[in-house]
Amino acid sequence: QETTKAKFHLSNGLRIKFENHYILEDLFPVVWTRKMVQN
């Protein structure tokens, strides 16, 4: 539940290699389903 830090690192990941965002779906399915993350 540390959302600010989570968004910071998600932004980094998407910037470095956007197409690898499937890692979130594979390793963190609960996180992946969040509307905020999808948005």
PDB file of all heavy atoms in Angstrom:
ATOM      1  N   GLN A   1       0.806  -1.229   0.000  1.00  0.00           N
ATOM      2  CA  GLN A   1       0.000   0.000   0.000  1.00  0.00           C
ATOM      3  C   GLN A   1       0.840   1.282   0.000  1.00  0.00           C
ATOM      4  O   GLN A   1       0.395   2.313   0.478  1.00  0.00           O
ATOM      5  CB  GLN A   1      -0.950   0.018   1.225  1.00  0.00           C
ATOM      6  CG  GLN A   1      -1.794  -1.238   1.415  1.00  0.00           C
ATOM      7  CD  GLN A   1      -2.663  -1.561   0.201  1.00  0.00           C
ATOM      8  OE1 GLN A   1      -3.224  -0.653  -0.408  1.00  0.00           O
ATOM      9  NE2 GLN A   1      -2.748  -2.842  -0.148  1.00  0.00           N
ATOM     10  N   GLU A   2       2.057   1.204  -0.546  1.00  0.00           N
ATOM     11  CA  GLU A   2       2.847   2.433  -0.687  1.00  0.00           C
ATOM     12  C   GLU A   2       2.710   2.894  -2.139  1.00  0.00           C
ATOM     13  O   GLU A   2       3.603   2.697  -2.973  1.00  0.00           O
ATOM     14  CB  GLU A   2       4.308   2.188  -0.304  1.00  0.00           C
ATOM     15  CG  GLU A   2       4.503   1.937   1.182  1.00  0.00           C
ATOM     16  CD  GLU A   2       5.927   2.164   1.654  1.00  0.00           C
ATOM     17  OE1 GLU A   2       6.650   2.970   1.019  1.00  0.00           O
ATOM     18  OE2 GLU A   2       6.314   1.536   2.655  1.00  0.00           O
ATOM     19  N   THR A   3       1.580   3.540  -2.414  1.00  0.00           N
ATOM     20  CA  THR A   3       1.167   3.835  -3.789  1.00  0.00           C
ATOM     21  C   THR A   3       2.110   4.808  -4.505  1.00  0.00           C
ATOM     22  O   THR A   3       2.408   4.625  -5.692  1.00  0.00           O
ATOM     23  CB  THR A   3      -0.265   4.407  -3.784  1.00  0.00           C
ATOM     24  OG1 THR A   3      -1.101   3.510  -3.042  1.00  0.00           O
ATOM     25  CG2 THR A   3      -0.807   4.536  -5.189  1.00  0.00           C
ATOM     26  N   THR A   4       2.590   5.813  -3.806  1.00  0.00           N
ATOM     27  CA  THR A   4       3.460   6.807  -4.457  1.00  0.00           C
ATOM     28  C   THR A   4       4.729   6.149  -4.998  1.00  0.00           C
ATOM     29  O   THR A   4       5.131   6.362  -6.149  1.00  0.00           O
ATOM     30  CB  THR A   4       3.830   7.923  -3.465  1.00  0.00           C
ATOM     31  OG1 THR A   4       2.624   8.483  -2.937  1.00  0.00           O
ATOM     32  CG2 THR A   4       4.658   9.008  -4.144  1.00  0.00           C
ATOM     33  N   LYS A   5       5.359   5.328  -4.155  1.00  0.00           N
ATOM     34  CA  LYS A   5       6.576   4.633  -4.579  1.00  0.00           C
ATOM     35  C   LYS A   5       6.259   3.622  -5.681  1.00  0.00           C
ATOM     36  O   LYS A   5       7.031   3.447  -6.625  1.00  0.00           O
ATOM     37  CB  LYS A   5       7.228   3.924  -3.383  1.00  0.00           C
ATOM     38  CG  LYS A   5       7.884   4.865  -2.401  1.00  0.00           C
ATOM     39  CD  LYS A   5       8.529   4.108  -1.251  1.00  0.00           C
ATOM     40  CE  LYS A   5       9.201   5.071  -0.265  1.00  0.00           C
ATOM     41  NZ  LYS A   5       9.797   4.358   0.882  1.00  0.00           N
ATOM     42  N   ALA A   6       5.105   2.975  -5.560  1.00  0.00           N
ATOM     43  CA  ALA A   6       4.687   1.988  -6.558  1.00  0.00           C
ATOM     44  C   ALA A   6       4.550   2.649  -7.924  1.00  0.00           C
ATOM     45  O   ALA A   6       5.044   2.131  -8.938  1.00  0.00           O
ATOM     46  CB  ALA A   6       3.370   1.346  -6.143  1.00  0.00           C
ATOM     47  N   LYS A   7       3.872   3.819  -7.964  1.00  0.00           N
ATOM     48  CA  LYS A   7       3.688   4.526  -9.241  1.00  0.00           C
ATOM     49  C   LYS A   7       5.024   4.989  -9.833  1.00  0.00           C
ATOM     50  O   LYS A   7       5.224   4.934 -11.046  1.00  0.00           O
ATOM     51  CB  LYS A   7       2.768   5.738  -9.031  1.00  0.00           C
ATOM     52  CG  LYS A   7       1.302   5.384  -8.874  1.00  0.00           C
ATOM     53  CD  LYS A   7       0.490   6.666  -8.688  1.00  0.00           C
ATOM     54  CE  LYS A   7      -1.007   6.361  -8.580  1.00  0.00           C
ATOM     55  NZ  LYS A   7      -1.784   7.602  -8.377  1.00  0.00           N
ATOM     56  N   PHE A   8       5.931   5.403  -8.950  1.00  0.00           N
ATOM     57  CA  PHE A   8       7.246   5.852  -9.405  1.00  0.00           C
ATOM     58  C   PHE A   8       7.968   4.729 -10.150  1.00  0.00           C
ATOM     59  O   PHE A   8       8.494   4.917 -11.254  1.00  0.00           O
ATOM     60  CB  PHE A   8       8.082   6.328  -8.200  1.00  0.00           C
ATOM     61  CG  PHE A   8       9.519   6.612  -8.523  1.00  0.00           C
ATOM     62  CD1 PHE A   8       9.892   7.785  -9.165  1.00  0.00           C
ATOM     63  CD2 PHE A   8      10.501   5.680  -8.207  1.00  0.00           C
ATOM     64  CE1 PHE A   8      11.226   8.037  -9.481  1.00  0.00           C
ATOM     65  CE2 PHE A   8      11.832   5.928  -8.527  1.00  0.00           C
ATOM     66  CZ  PHE A   8      12.195   7.108  -9.155  1.00  0.00           C
ATOM     67  N   HIS A   9       7.978   3.532  -9.542  1.00  0.00           N
ATOM     68  CA  HIS A   9       8.699   2.409 -10.153  1.00  0.00           C
ATOM     69  C   HIS A   9       7.947   1.843 -11.359  1.00  0.00           C
ATOM     70  O   HIS A   9       8.578   1.398 -12.326  1.00  0.00           O
ATOM     71  CB  HIS A   9       8.971   1.324  -9.102  1.00  0.00           C
ATOM     72  CG  HIS A   9      10.012   1.733  -8.103  1.00  0.00           C
ATOM     73  ND1 HIS A   9      11.341   1.836  -8.435  1.00  0.00           N
ATOM     74  CD2 HIS A   9       9.903   2.111  -6.795  1.00  0.00           C
ATOM     75  CE1 HIS A   9      12.024   2.237  -7.363  1.00  0.00           C
ATOM     76  NE2 HIS A   9      11.169   2.412  -6.352  1.00  0.00           N
ATOM     77  N   LEU A  10       6.598   1.907 -11.319  1.00  0.00           N
ATOM     78  CA  LEU A  10       5.820   1.467 -12.486  1.00  0.00           C
ATOM     79  C   LEU A  10       6.122   2.396 -13.669  1.00  0.00           C
ATOM     80  O   LEU A  10       6.313   1.929 -14.801  1.00  0.00           O
ATOM     81  CB  LEU A  10       4.324   1.472 -12.163  1.00  0.00           C
ATOM     82  CG  LEU A  10       3.396   1.059 -13.309  1.00  0.00           C
ATOM     83  CD1 LEU A  10       3.765  -0.312 -13.878  1.00  0.00           C
ATOM     84  CD2 LEU A  10       1.938   1.062 -12.841  1.00  0.00           C
ATOM     85  N   SER A  11       6.190   3.678 -13.380  1.00  0.00           N
ATOM     86  CA  SER A  11       6.517   4.652 -14.424  1.00  0.00           C
ATOM     87  C   SER A  11       7.890   4.373 -15.021  1.00  0.00           C
ATOM     88  O   SER A  11       8.087   4.423 -16.243  1.00  0.00           O
ATOM     89  CB  SER A  11       6.483   6.063 -13.833  1.00  0.00           C
ATOM     90  OG  SER A  11       6.843   7.014 -14.802  1.00  0.00           O
ATOM     91  N   ASN A  12       8.852   4.042 -14.162  1.00  0.00           N
ATOM     92  CA  ASN A  12      10.204   3.690 -14.634  1.00  0.00           C
ATOM     93  C   ASN A  12      10.175   2.469 -15.539  1.00  0.00           C
ATOM     94  O   ASN A  12      10.794   2.453 -16.609  1.00  0.00           O
ATOM     95  CB  ASN A  12      11.126   3.400 -13.446  1.00  0.00           C
ATOM     96  CG  ASN A  12      11.682   4.670 -12.840  1.00  0.00           C
ATOM     97  OD1 ASN A  12      11.612   5.732 -13.456  1.00  0.00           O
ATOM     98  ND2 ASN A  12      12.229   4.561 -11.635  1.00  0.00           N
ATOM     99  N   GLY A  13       9.457   1.445 -15.093  1.00  0.00           N
ATOM    100  CA  GLY A  13       9.369   0.203 -15.871  1.00  0.00           C
ATOM    101  C   GLY A  13       8.748   0.444 -17.235  1.00  0.00           C
ATOM    102  O   GLY A  13       9.259  -0.042 -18.258  1.00  0.00           O
ATOM    103  N   LEU A  14       7.643   1.208 -17.268  1.00  0.00           N
ATOM    104  CA  LEU A  14       6.946   1.498 -18.532  1.00  0.00           C
ATOM    105  C   LEU A  14       7.821   2.349 -19.454  1.00  0.00           C
ATOM    106  O   LEU A  14       7.797   2.177 -20.675  1.00  0.00           O
ATOM    107  CB  LEU A  14       5.626   2.217 -18.237  1.00  0.00           C
ATOM    108  CG  LEU A  14       4.567   1.369 -17.505  1.00  0.00           C
ATOM    109  CD1 LEU A  14       3.441   2.256 -16.972  1.00  0.00           C
ATOM    110  CD2 LEU A  14       4.006   0.283 -18.414  1.00  0.00           C
ATOM    111  N   ARG A  15       8.613   3.244 -18.847  1.00  0.00           N
ATOM    112  CA  ARG A  15       9.509   4.083 -19.650  1.00  0.00           C
ATOM    113  C   ARG A  15      10.636   3.265 -20.272  1.00  0.00           C
ATOM    114  O   ARG A  15      10.978   3.440 -21.449  1.00  0.00           O
ATOM    115  CB  ARG A  15      10.102   5.186 -18.763  1.00  0.00           C
ATOM    116  CG  ARG A  15      11.178   6.026 -19.444  1.00  0.00           C
ATOM    117  CD  ARG A  15      11.729   7.090 -18.489  1.00  0.00           C
ATOM    118  NE  ARG A  15      12.236   6.537 -17.249  1.00  0.00           N
ATOM    119  CZ  ARG A  15      13.445   5.974 -17.110  1.00  0.00           C
ATOM    120  NH1 ARG A  15      14.253   5.879 -18.155  1.00  0.00           N
ATOM    121  NH2 ARG A  15      13.842   5.504 -15.934  1.00  0.00           N
ATOM    122  N   ILE A  16      11.189   2.344 -19.477  1.00  0.00           N
ATOM    123  CA  ILE A  16      12.339   1.565 -19.956  1.00  0.00           C
ATOM    124  C   ILE A  16      11.904   0.536 -20.994  1.00  0.00           C
ATOM    125  O   ILE A  16      12.526   0.402 -22.050  1.00  0.00           O
ATOM    126  CB  ILE A  16      13.056   0.867 -18.764  1.00  0.00           C
ATOM    127  CG1 ILE A  16      13.631   1.918 -17.805  1.00  0.00           C
ATOM    128  CG2 ILE A  16      14.170  -0.045 -19.261  1.00  0.00           C
ATOM    129  CD1 ILE A  16      14.004   1.365 -16.438  1.00  0.00           C
ATOM    130  N   LYS A  17      10.840  -0.197 -20.704  1.00  0.00           N
ATOM    131  CA  LYS A  17      10.366  -1.215 -21.659  1.00  0.00           C
ATOM    132  C   LYS A  17       8.868  -1.444 -21.437  1.00  0.00           C
ATOM    133  O   LYS A  17       8.469  -2.309 -20.658  1.00  0.00           O
ATOM    134  CB  LYS A  17      11.158  -2.520 -21.506  1.00  0.00           C
ATOM    135  CG  LYS A  17      10.999  -3.448 -22.706  1.00  0.00           C
ATOM    136  CD  LYS A  17      12.083  -4.514 -22.712  1.00  0.00           C
ATOM    137  CE  LYS A  17      12.009  -5.337 -23.984  1.00  0.00           C
ATOM    138  NZ  LYS A  17      13.080  -6.350 -24.047  1.00  0.00           N
ATOM    139  N   PHE A  18       8.082  -0.680 -22.168  1.00  0.00           N
ATOM    140  CA  PHE A  18       6.629  -0.689 -21.968  1.00  0.00           C
ATOM    141  C   PHE A  18       6.039  -2.087 -22.143  1.00  0.00           C
ATOM    142  O   PHE A  18       5.213  -2.535 -21.342  1.00  0.00           O
ATOM    143  CB  PHE A  18       5.955   0.277 -22.949  1.00  0.00           C
ATOM    144  CG  PHE A  18       4.446   0.270 -22.852  1.00  0.00           C
ATOM    145  CD1 PHE A  18       3.806   1.037 -21.889  1.00  0.00           C
ATOM    146  CD2 PHE A  18       3.675  -0.533 -23.693  1.00  0.00           C
ATOM    147  CE1 PHE A  18       2.418   1.028 -21.772  1.00  0.00           C
ATOM    148  CE2 PHE A  18       2.298  -0.562 -23.579  1.00  0.00           C
ATOM    149  CZ  PHE A  18       1.656   0.219 -22.626  1.00  0.00           C
ATOM    150  N   GLU A  19       6.476  -2.814 -23.202  1.00  0.00           N
ATOM    151  CA  GLU A  19       5.846  -4.102 -23.529  1.00  0.00           C
ATOM    152  C   GLU A  19       6.040  -5.176 -22.462  1.00  0.00           C
ATOM    153  O   GLU A  19       5.369  -6.209 -22.467  1.00  0.00           O
ATOM    154  CB  GLU A  19       6.336  -4.623 -24.890  1.00  0.00           C
ATOM    155  CG  GLU A  19       7.839  -4.890 -25.000  1.00  0.00           C
ATOM    156  CD  GLU A  19       8.625  -3.678 -25.473  1.00  0.00           C
ATOM    157  OE1 GLU A  19       8.175  -2.536 -25.229  1.00  0.00           O
ATOM    158  OE2 GLU A  19       9.695  -3.873 -26.078  1.00  0.00           O
ATOM    159  N   ASN A  20       6.945  -4.938 -21.511  1.00  0.00           N
ATOM    160  CA  ASN A  20       7.170  -5.932 -20.453  1.00  0.00           C
ATOM    161  C   ASN A  20       6.250  -5.741 -19.254  1.00  0.00           C
ATOM    162  O   ASN A  20       6.443  -6.362 -18.211  1.00  0.00           O
ATOM    163  CB  ASN A  20       8.631  -5.895 -19.991  1.00  0.00           C
ATOM    164  CG  ASN A  20       9.525  -6.758 -20.864  1.00  0.00           C
ATOM    165  OD1 ASN A  20       9.095  -7.217 -21.919  1.00  0.00           O
ATOM    166  ND2 ASN A  20      10.758  -6.988 -20.439  1.00  0.00           N
ATOM    167  N   HIS A  21       5.200  -4.901 -19.405  1.00  0.00           N
ATOM    168  CA  HIS A  21       4.306  -4.696 -18.253  1.00  0.00           C
ATOM    169  C   HIS A  21       3.535  -5.966 -17.890  1.00  0.00           C
ATOM    170  O   HIS A  21       2.921  -6.043 -16.824  1.00  0.00           O
ATOM    171  CB  HIS A  21       3.328  -3.533 -18.496  1.00  0.00           C
ATOM    172  CG  HIS A  21       2.418  -3.744 -19.673  1.00  0.00           C
ATOM    173  ND1 HIS A  21       2.695  -3.241 -20.917  1.00  0.00           N
ATOM    174  CD2 HIS A  21       1.235  -4.403 -19.784  1.00  0.00           C
ATOM    175  CE1 HIS A  21       1.716  -3.577 -21.747  1.00  0.00           C
ATOM    176  NE2 HIS A  21       0.815  -4.289 -21.080  1.00  0.00           N
ATOM    177  N   TYR A  22       3.626  -7.002 -18.775  1.00  0.00           N
ATOM    178  CA  TYR A  22       2.981  -8.290 -18.457  1.00  0.00           C
ATOM    179  C   TYR A  22       3.568  -8.905 -17.180  1.00  0.00           C
ATOM    180  O   TYR A  22       2.951  -9.775 -16.555  1.00  0.00           O
ATOM    181  CB  TYR A  22       3.143  -9.281 -19.620  1.00  0.00           C
ATOM    182  CG  TYR A  22       4.558  -9.739 -19.837  1.00  0.00           C
ATOM    183  CD1 TYR A  22       5.095 -10.797 -19.099  1.00  0.00           C
ATOM    184  CD2 TYR A  22       5.391  -9.116 -20.770  1.00  0.00           C
ATOM    185  CE1 TYR A  22       6.395 -11.205 -19.277  1.00  0.00           C
ATOM    186  CE2 TYR A  22       6.699  -9.517 -20.955  1.00  0.00           C
ATOM    187  CZ  TYR A  22       7.199 -10.564 -20.200  1.00  0.00           C
ATOM    188  OH  TYR A  22       8.489 -10.967 -20.360  1.00  0.00           O
ATOM    189  N   ILE A  23       4.791  -8.450 -16.785  1.00  0.00           N
ATOM    190  CA  ILE A  23       5.414  -8.965 -15.552  1.00  0.00           C
ATOM    191  C   ILE A  23       4.485  -8.727 -14.365  1.00  0.00           C
ATOM    192  O   ILE A  23       4.350  -9.590 -13.475  1.00  0.00           O
ATOM    193  CB  ILE A  23       6.787  -8.278 -15.313  1.00  0.00           C
ATOM    194  CG1 ILE A  23       7.794  -8.740 -16.381  1.00  0.00           C
ATOM    195  CG2 ILE A  23       7.338  -8.578 -13.921  1.00  0.00           C
ATOM    196  CD1 ILE A  23       9.098  -7.939 -16.392  1.00  0.00           C
ATOM    197  N   LEU A  24       3.829  -7.564 -14.352  1.00  0.00           N
ATOM    198  CA  LEU A  24       2.877  -7.280 -13.261  1.00  0.00           C
ATOM    199  C   LEU A  24       1.753  -8.299 -13.252  1.00  0.00           C
ATOM    200  O   LEU A  24       1.337  -8.792 -12.199  1.00  0.00           O
ATOM    201  CB  LEU A  24       2.289  -5.879 -13.430  1.00  0.00           C
ATOM    202  CG  LEU A  24       3.008  -4.708 -12.757  1.00  0.00           C
ATOM    203  CD1 LEU A  24       2.233  -3.434 -13.010  1.00  0.00           C
ATOM    204  CD2 LEU A  24       3.157  -4.943 -11.268  1.00  0.00           C
ATOM    205  N   GLU A  25       1.237  -8.627 -14.445  1.00  0.00           N
ATOM    206  CA  GLU A  25       0.132  -9.572 -14.543  1.00  0.00           C
ATOM    207  C   GLU A  25       0.560 -10.964 -14.080  1.00  0.00           C
ATOM    208  O   GLU A  25      -0.178 -11.657 -13.371  1.00  0.00           O
ATOM    209  CB  GLU A  25      -0.376  -9.635 -15.986  1.00  0.00           C
ATOM    210  CG  GLU A  25      -1.610 -10.517 -16.150  1.00  0.00           C
ATOM    211  CD  GLU A  25      -2.117 -10.536 -17.576  1.00  0.00           C
ATOM    212  OE1 GLU A  25      -1.443  -9.984 -18.478  1.00  0.00           O
ATOM    213  OE2 GLU A  25      -3.186 -11.122 -17.808  1.00  0.00           O
ATOM    214  N   ASP A  26       1.787 -11.357 -14.472  1.00  0.00           N
ATOM    215  CA  ASP A  26       2.265 -12.703 -14.128  1.00  0.00           C
ATOM    216  C   ASP A  26       2.570 -12.849 -12.640  1.00  0.00           C
ATOM    217  O   ASP A  26       2.212 -13.855 -12.019  1.00  0.00           O
ATOM    218  CB  ASP A  26       3.549 -13.021 -14.917  1.00  0.00           C
ATOM    219  CG  ASP A  26       3.257 -13.267 -16.395  1.00  0.00           C
ATOM    220  OD1 ASP A  26       2.063 -13.385 -16.753  1.00  0.00           O
ATOM    221  OD2 ASP A  26       4.221 -13.340 -17.193  1.00  0.00           O
ATOM    222  N   LEU A  27       3.244 -11.843 -12.064  1.00  0.00           N
ATOM    223  CA  LEU A  27       3.724 -11.976 -10.685  1.00  0.00           C
ATOM    224  C   LEU A  27       2.781 -11.368  -9.644  1.00  0.00           C
ATOM    225  O   LEU A  27       2.797 -11.777  -8.478  1.00  0.00           O
ATOM    226  CB  LEU A  27       5.110 -11.316 -10.557  1.00  0.00           C
ATOM    227  CG  LEU A  27       6.247 -11.939 -11.382  1.00  0.00           C
ATOM    228  CD1 LEU A  27       7.531 -11.140 -11.184  1.00  0.00           C
ATOM    229  CD2 LEU A  27       6.476 -13.394 -10.975  1.00  0.00           C
ATOM    230  N   PHE A  28       1.996 -10.385 -10.073  1.00  0.00           N
ATOM    231  CA  PHE A  28       1.126  -9.692  -9.110  1.00  0.00           C
ATOM    232  C   PHE A  28      -0.296  -9.590  -9.690  1.00  0.00           C
ATOM    233  O   PHE A  28      -0.775  -8.476  -9.995  1.00  0.00           O
ATOM    234  CB  PHE A  28       1.684  -8.293  -8.799  1.00  0.00           C
ATOM    235  CG  PHE A  28       3.100  -8.284  -8.302  1.00  0.00           C
ATOM    236  CD1 PHE A  28       4.158  -8.120  -9.187  1.00  0.00           C
ATOM    237  CD2 PHE A  28       3.370  -8.454  -6.952  1.00  0.00           C
ATOM    238  CE1 PHE A  28       5.463  -8.108  -8.736  1.00  0.00           C
ATOM    239  CE2 PHE A  28       4.678  -8.443  -6.487  1.00  0.00           C
ATOM    240  CZ  PHE A  28       5.735  -8.280  -7.379  1.00  0.00           C
ATOM    241  N   PRO A  29      -0.996 -10.715  -9.895  1.00  0.00           N
ATOM    242  CA  PRO A  29      -2.329 -10.681 -10.517  1.00  0.00           C
ATOM    243  C   PRO A  29      -3.320  -9.795  -9.748  1.00  0.00           C
ATOM    244  O   PRO A  29      -4.177  -9.153 -10.359  1.00  0.00           O
ATOM    245  CB  PRO A  29      -2.761 -12.146 -10.524  1.00  0.00           C
ATOM    246  CG  PRO A  29      -1.830 -12.857  -9.589  1.00  0.00           C
ATOM    247  CD  PRO A  29      -0.574 -12.086  -9.576  1.00  0.00           C
ATOM    248  N   VAL A  30      -3.164  -9.755  -8.418  1.00  0.00           N
ATOM    249  CA  VAL A  30      -4.062  -8.918  -7.597  1.00  0.00           C
ATOM    250  C   VAL A  30      -3.844  -7.444  -7.931  1.00  0.00           C
ATOM    251  O   VAL A  30      -4.803  -6.661  -8.052  1.00  0.00           O
ATOM    252  CB  VAL A  30      -3.829  -9.176  -6.085  1.00  0.00           C
ATOM    253  CG1 VAL A  30      -4.661  -8.229  -5.244  1.00  0.00           C
ATOM    254  CG2 VAL A  30      -4.142 -10.621  -5.739  1.00  0.00           C
ATOM    255  N   VAL A  31      -2.589  -7.064  -8.089  1.00  0.00           N
ATOM    256  CA  VAL A  31      -2.252  -5.677  -8.428  1.00  0.00           C
ATOM    257  C   VAL A  31      -2.726  -5.357  -9.845  1.00  0.00           C
ATOM    258  O   VAL A  31      -3.287  -4.292 -10.115  1.00  0.00           O
ATOM    259  CB  VAL A  31      -0.724  -5.453  -8.299  1.00  0.00           C
ATOM    260  CG1 VAL A  31      -0.318  -4.091  -8.863  1.00  0.00           C
ATOM    261  CG2 VAL A  31      -0.283  -5.589  -6.843  1.00  0.00           C
ATOM    262  N   TRP A  32      -2.520  -6.293 -10.748  1.00  0.00           N
ATOM    263  CA  TRP A  32      -2.859  -6.099 -12.163  1.00  0.00           C
ATOM    264  C   TRP A  32      -4.340  -5.755 -12.361  1.00  0.00           C
ATOM    265  O   TRP A  32      -4.696  -4.955 -13.237  1.00  0.00           O
ATOM    266  CB  TRP A  32      -2.500  -7.377 -12.934  1.00  0.00           C
ATOM    267  CG  TRP A  32      -2.867  -7.336 -14.394  1.00  0.00           C
ATOM    268  CD1 TRP A  32      -3.932  -7.954 -14.990  1.00  0.00           C
ATOM    269  CD2 TRP A  32      -2.188  -6.647 -15.439  1.00  0.00           C
ATOM    270  NE1 TRP A  32      -3.964  -7.698 -16.327  1.00  0.00           N
ATOM    271  CE2 TRP A  32      -2.887  -6.891 -16.642  1.00  0.00           C
ATOM    272  CE3 TRP A  32      -1.052  -5.845 -15.489  1.00  0.00           C
ATOM    273  CZ2 TRP A  32      -2.494  -6.362 -17.862  1.00  0.00           C
ATOM    274  CZ3 TRP A  32      -0.649  -5.322 -16.710  1.00  0.00           C
ATOM    275  CH2 TRP A  32      -1.370  -5.578 -17.876  1.00  0.00           C
ATOM    276  N   THR A  33      -5.186  -6.355 -11.569  1.00  0.00           N
ATOM    277  CA  THR A  33      -6.635  -6.153 -11.755  1.00  0.00           C
ATOM    278  C   THR A  33      -7.121  -4.800 -11.227  1.00  0.00           C
ATOM    279  O   THR A  33      -8.270  -4.422 -11.469  1.00  0.00           O
ATOM    280  CB  THR A  33      -7.421  -7.278 -11.054  1.00  0.00           C
ATOM    281  OG1 THR A  33      -7.057  -7.312  -9.680  1.00  0.00           O
ATOM    282  CG2 THR A  33      -7.149  -8.622 -11.722  1.00  0.00           C
ATOM    283  N   ARG A  34      -6.274  -4.081 -10.523  1.00  0.00           N
ATOM    284  CA  ARG A  34      -6.712  -2.784  -9.989  1.00  0.00           C
ATOM    285  C   ARG A  34      -6.939  -1.784 -11.132  1.00  0.00           C
ATOM    286  O   ARG A  34      -6.093  -1.645 -12.023  1.00  0.00           O
ATOM    287  CB  ARG A  34      -5.671  -2.210  -9.017  1.00  0.00           C
ATOM    288  CG  ARG A  34      -5.559  -2.977  -7.721  1.00  0.00           C
ATOM    289  CD  ARG A  34      -4.608  -2.271  -6.774  1.00  0.00           C
ATOM    290  NE  ARG A  34      -4.310  -3.093  -5.620  1.00  0.00           N
ATOM    291  CZ  ARG A  34      -3.462  -2.750  -4.655  1.00  0.00           C
ATOM    292  NH1 ARG A  34      -2.848  -1.563  -4.740  1.00  0.00           N
ATOM    293  NH2 ARG A  34      -3.236  -3.543  -3.632  1.00  0.00           N
ATOM    294  N   LYS A  35      -8.055  -1.097 -11.039  1.00  0.00           N
ATOM    295  CA  LYS A  35      -8.421  -0.133 -12.079  1.00  0.00           C
ATOM    296  C   LYS A  35      -7.383   0.979 -12.186  1.00  0.00           C
ATOM    297  O   LYS A  35      -7.018   1.423 -13.282  1.00  0.00           O
ATOM    298  CB  LYS A  35      -9.806   0.460 -11.762  1.00  0.00           C
ATOM    299  CG  LYS A  35     -10.387   1.237 -12.922  1.00  0.00           C
ATOM    300  CD  LYS A  35     -11.816   1.649 -12.632  1.00  0.00           C
ATOM    301  CE  LYS A  35     -12.386   2.411 -13.830  1.00  0.00           C
ATOM    302  NZ  LYS A  35     -13.758   2.859 -13.580  1.00  0.00           N
ATOM    303  N   MET A  36      -6.852   1.407 -11.047  1.00  0.00           N
ATOM    304  CA  MET A  36      -5.868   2.473 -11.021  1.00  0.00           C
ATOM    305  C   MET A  36      -4.620   2.079 -11.832  1.00  0.00           C
ATOM    306  O   MET A  36      -4.064   2.888 -12.584  1.00  0.00           O
ATOM    307  CB  MET A  36      -5.461   2.767  -9.566  1.00  0.00           C
ATOM    308  CG  MET A  36      -4.404   3.833  -9.434  1.00  0.00           C
ATOM    309  SD  MET A  36      -3.871   4.065  -7.706  1.00  0.00           S
ATOM    310  CE  MET A  36      -3.153   2.475  -7.347  1.00  0.00           C
ATOM    311  N   VAL A  37      -4.205   0.820 -11.666  1.00  0.00           N
ATOM    312  CA  VAL A  37      -3.014   0.328 -12.374  1.00  0.00           C
ATOM    313  C   VAL A  37      -3.283   0.283 -13.866  1.00  0.00           C
ATOM    314  O   VAL A  37      -2.468   0.720 -14.688  1.00  0.00           O
ATOM    315  CB  VAL A  37      -2.597  -1.058 -11.822  1.00  0.00           C
ATOM    316  CG1 VAL A  37      -1.493  -1.678 -12.689  1.00  0.00           C
ATOM    317  CG2 VAL A  37      -2.148  -0.950 -10.364  1.00  0.00           C
ATOM    318  N   GLN A  38      -4.452  -0.242 -14.246  1.00  0.00           N
ATOM    319  CA  GLN A  38      -4.802  -0.327 -15.671  1.00  0.00           C
ATOM    320  C   GLN A  38      -4.870   1.059 -16.305  1.00  0.00           C
ATOM    321  O   GLN A  38      -4.381   1.267 -17.419  1.00  0.00           O
ATOM    322  CB  GLN A  38      -6.145  -1.048 -15.829  1.00  0.00           C
ATOM    323  CG  GLN A  38      -6.096  -2.551 -15.558  1.00  0.00           C
ATOM    324  CD  GLN A  38      -5.150  -3.284 -16.496  1.00  0.00           C
ATOM    325  OE1 GLN A  38      -5.143  -3.040 -17.701  1.00  0.00           O
ATOM    326  NE2 GLN A  38      -4.340  -4.156 -15.923  1.00  0.00           N
ATOM    327  N   ASN A  39      -5.451   1.999 -15.573  1.00  0.00           N
ATOM    328  CA  ASN A  39      -5.552   3.373 -16.080  1.00  0.00           C
ATOM    329  C   ASN A  39      -4.166   3.996 -16.257  1.00  0.00           C
ATOM    330  O   ASN A  39      -3.900   4.696 -17.238  1.00  0.00           O
ATOM    331  CB  ASN A  39      -6.384   4.241 -15.130  1.00  0.00           C
ATOM    332  CG  ASN A  39      -7.862   3.873 -15.178  1.00  0.00           C
ATOM    333  OD1 ASN A  39      -8.316   3.256 -16.147  1.00  0.00           O
ATOM    334  ND2 ASN A  39      -8.610   4.253 -14.148  1.00  0.00           N
TER     335      ASN A  39
END
